């Protein structure tokens, strides 16, 4: 249960979102998101300006209430709350705890779409597995076998910015597990992570692509920087 102070924190944020809402822009944003979510109709720049005082170190909520706050925000229908929840979590990366993976998994599997999942995978889960490497095998295996495309996409994208720290064995295993998928978001992610890694190790990516029967989209994306 949220404290009175934290409830007011969320209420004040809501007031700011409502005051800056644009119904016409909201319609366009909702259409862009395939009408899966409601929106207030606030541009990214506007939202970040609104959020700034809420994310200042002097106004951040207590770490012990963080999970309850994020669950509360994630259960709201407007997409701006979900974006804010993610950016709030980024403020606590240095104090990430082992139990946070439960929260991340909830966020990936609820109100799921690429615009939130990609940040969670790259910045939150990516950071988590650096801090808790012993947790990787259990969760990656579970996510790959889940048949949830967003958890599966996360197994590919958590290493997106790892560069020379990328674990090629894990990446190879994840890709091979997902070969044959007809899901756009899976095949796009395979190509994306390979393309990004080609900045660090182009020879390995070229060899991998030439010896692996990738989906055409994955192959095209993987080789984009090498052609």
Foldseek 3Di string as FASTA:
>chain_A
DDDPLVVVLVVVLVVLLQVQFDVVQQVVVCVVVVVPAGASRADPVRLCVSCVVCQDPVNQDDPVCLLVQQVVLLPDGHCSSNVSNLVSVLSCLVVDDPVCVVSLVVSCQGPHDCVRLLSSLQPVVLSNCVVVVVCPVVQQVCLLPVPPVSSLLSQLRNCQPVAVNDDVVSNVVSCVSCAPDPDPSNLQSLLNSLLSNCVRVVVVSVVCLVPDDGDPNSSCSNCVVPD
